[in-house]
Every structure is written in structure tokens, then in C-alpha cells.
Protein backbone atom coordinates (compact mmCIF):
# COMPACT_ATOMS: atom_id res chain seq x y z
CA MET A 1 8.93 -90.35 22.87
CA ARG A 2 6.84 -90.90 19.72
CA GLN A 3 7.24 -93.17 16.72
CA VAL A 4 5.96 -92.40 13.24
CA THR A 5 6.18 -94.57 10.15
CA ALA A 6 5.64 -93.64 6.53
CA LYS A 7 6.35 -94.94 3.04
CA ILE A 8 7.65 -93.19 -0.05
CA SER A 9 6.95 -94.75 -3.43
CA VAL A 10 9.36 -93.84 -6.23
CA SER A 11 8.77 -94.57 -9.91
CA THR A 12 12.15 -95.09 -11.53
CA HIS A 13 12.84 -94.97 -15.25
CA GLY A 14 16.14 -96.78 -15.49
CA ARG A 15 19.53 -96.72 -13.85
CA LYS A 16 20.37 -93.44 -12.15
CA LEU A 17 20.22 -91.54 -8.88
CA TYR A 18 16.80 -90.10 -7.99
CA ASP A 19 16.72 -87.21 -5.53
CA ILE A 20 14.07 -87.99 -2.91
CA SER A 21 15.10 -85.21 -0.49
CA ALA A 22 11.87 -83.23 -0.89
CA GLU A 23 9.69 -86.27 -0.17
CA VAL A 24 11.80 -87.13 2.89
CA ALA A 25 11.61 -83.53 4.16
CA ALA A 26 7.83 -83.51 3.72
CA GLN A 27 7.47 -86.72 5.74
CA VAL A 28 9.66 -85.35 8.55
CA LYS A 29 7.59 -82.15 8.65
CA ARG A 30 4.34 -84.14 8.58
CA SER A 31 5.52 -86.20 11.57
CA GLY A 32 5.62 -83.11 13.78
CA LEU A 33 8.79 -84.33 15.50
CA GLN A 34 11.28 -81.64 16.47
CA THR A 35 14.15 -83.80 17.72
CA GLY A 36 14.90 -87.43 17.03
CA LEU A 37 16.15 -89.90 14.46
CA LEU A 38 14.95 -90.73 10.97
CA THR A 39 15.72 -94.15 9.53
CA LEU A 40 15.10 -94.85 5.85
CA TYR A 41 15.07 -98.40 4.51
CA ILE A 42 14.63 -99.56 0.91
CA GLN A 43 12.78 -102.84 0.37
CA HIS A 44 14.71 -103.98 -2.69
CA THR A 45 17.90 -105.86 -3.57
CA SER A 46 18.62 -104.04 -6.83
CA ALA A 47 18.32 -100.44 -5.62
CA SER A 48 19.88 -98.57 -2.72
CA LEU A 49 19.97 -95.33 -0.75
CA LEU A 50 22.74 -92.73 -0.67
CA ILE A 51 23.46 -89.36 0.84
CA ASN A 52 25.35 -87.44 -1.81
CA GLU A 53 25.89 -83.95 -3.18
CA ASN A 54 22.72 -82.38 -4.54
CA TYR A 55 24.19 -79.19 -5.99
CA ASP A 56 26.19 -80.20 -9.07
CA GLN A 57 24.57 -82.82 -11.34
CA ASP A 58 28.05 -83.83 -12.55
CA VAL A 59 28.53 -85.63 -9.23
CA LEU A 60 25.67 -87.98 -10.09
CA VAL A 61 27.05 -88.57 -13.59
CA ASP A 62 30.49 -89.32 -12.14
CA MET A 63 29.01 -91.74 -9.58
CA GLU A 64 27.35 -93.71 -12.35
CA ALA A 65 30.53 -93.68 -14.46
CA PHE A 66 32.46 -95.07 -11.48
CA PHE A 67 29.95 -97.86 -10.84
CA ASN A 68 29.81 -98.70 -14.57
CA ARG A 69 33.56 -99.27 -14.45
CA LEU A 70 33.50 -101.10 -11.12
CA VAL A 71 30.52 -103.39 -11.83
CA PRO A 72 29.89 -103.61 -15.59
CA ASP A 73 26.75 -105.20 -17.01
CA GLY A 74 27.26 -108.58 -18.62
CA ASP A 75 30.51 -109.32 -16.75
CA PRO A 76 31.34 -112.99 -17.44
CA LEU A 77 32.19 -113.36 -13.75
CA PHE A 78 28.46 -113.55 -12.95
CA ILE A 79 26.44 -116.73 -13.45
CA HIS A 80 23.11 -115.25 -12.21
CA THR A 81 21.68 -113.88 -15.46
CA VAL A 82 18.06 -115.10 -15.30
CA GLU A 83 16.67 -111.54 -15.20
CA GLY A 84 19.13 -110.05 -17.68
CA PRO A 85 22.72 -108.82 -17.84
CA ASP A 86 22.06 -105.91 -15.44
CA ASP A 87 20.49 -108.00 -12.65
CA MET A 88 23.54 -109.42 -10.87
CA PRO A 89 25.48 -106.16 -11.27
CA ALA A 90 22.45 -104.44 -9.66
CA HIS A 91 22.69 -106.77 -6.66
CA VAL A 92 26.44 -106.09 -6.33
CA ARG A 93 25.89 -102.33 -6.59
CA SER A 94 23.26 -102.58 -3.86
CA ALA A 95 25.65 -104.56 -1.64
CA LEU A 96 28.37 -101.92 -2.14
CA THR A 97 26.10 -99.03 -1.24
CA GLN A 98 23.41 -98.84 1.47
CA THR A 99 19.94 -100.19 2.02
CA GLN A 100 19.32 -97.98 5.05
CA LEU A 101 20.24 -94.50 6.23
CA SER A 102 20.01 -92.84 9.63
CA ILE A 103 19.65 -89.06 9.79
CA PRO A 104 19.19 -86.96 12.94
CA ILE A 105 16.10 -84.77 13.19
CA LEU A 106 16.90 -81.32 14.58
CA GLN A 107 14.49 -78.40 14.83
CA GLY A 108 11.86 -80.35 12.89
CA GLN A 109 14.09 -81.11 9.89
CA ALA A 110 16.35 -83.88 8.66
CA ALA A 111 19.81 -82.58 9.65
CA LEU A 112 21.42 -82.82 6.22
CA GLY A 113 24.42 -80.67 5.35
CA GLN A 114 24.16 -77.71 2.98
CA TRP A 115 24.95 -79.69 -0.18
CA GLN A 116 23.60 -83.08 0.93
CA GLY A 117 20.60 -84.81 -0.56
CA VAL A 118 18.96 -88.19 -0.09
CA PHE A 119 18.98 -90.31 -3.24
CA LEU A 120 17.40 -93.56 -4.31
CA TYR A 121 19.93 -95.27 -6.56
CA GLU A 122 18.19 -97.44 -9.14
CA HIS A 123 20.58 -100.14 -10.35
CA ARG A 124 18.39 -101.73 -13.05
CA HIS A 125 17.75 -100.40 -16.57
CA LEU A 126 14.03 -101.18 -16.64
CA PRO A 127 11.43 -98.94 -14.97
CA ALA A 128 10.44 -100.01 -11.47
CA GLN A 129 8.25 -98.98 -8.56
CA ARG A 130 10.47 -98.71 -5.45
CA LYS A 131 9.37 -98.47 -1.83
CA VAL A 132 11.29 -96.65 0.89
CA LEU A 133 10.12 -97.06 4.49
CA LEU A 134 10.66 -94.24 6.98
CA HIS A 135 10.76 -94.70 10.72
CA LEU A 136 10.91 -91.54 12.83
CA LEU A 137 11.59 -91.69 16.53
CA GLY A 138 11.63 -88.65 18.77
CA GLU A 139 9.63 -85.86 20.28
């Protein structure tokens, strides 16, 4: 059994879903593992990770429309506004989604379904540099 760790750095340019599937696939291939488990973890409280459809871009637009309705910026409910009107909603969005994902590794690849992709979901409007840690365990 081997362990491999890696880091993906993602430059975001505002609130949206960023497809990081290619970077994840490259790291799995680079690891040389054929069978095992990939864990991804984002080191931020205002961004998250999702597995979602990567075929039709309308899915990503609809996801953002849903979260805009569910957790609007500037909601008077929130008292934490030190970093702007999108900061507390970003923390709530992160809490409602995921900060880590686990994906099996089969035949040297992340075992995603045909239309699945791995996305970093940036919840802030300002550009940011996000870090995603990968831990691969297997053989």
C-alpha cells in the first residue's frame, strides 16, 4: 500500500464553479496508483468542492442561480460583514456543500461517471488563490 500527496492551486476570478477534473486526473496518473482511494480537501472556508455534471454548462448556471436564491449576498440576517456582503454567504455556501471528496481509483483513473466532473466552487466575488490537497492511497 502506497500513499501519495499533491496540491492543486486554482486561481479563481469570482464566484462560479471551476472545473478541476483535468488537474485531478493528471495527479492520479502521476501517482502511478492503479487501485485505491483519492481524497480531495480544500483549505478554505469560503470555497468548496463538488462533483457535478460537466457536459451541459447550463447545470453550472442553474447551480449558481439556486445558491443566489438560497443564500443571497447582503442578507440582513448576517451580522458578520467585516469582509463584505458576500463573505458570510460564502461561509454558509461552503457549509452547505463539501470541503472534501472521496473518489475511488480504478484502473489508474479517478472513477468518475460519464458526465461527472470535479469542481472547485468559489463563493466570493473577488479573485482568490485556492489550494486543494490530494491524498491518494492504494497500489
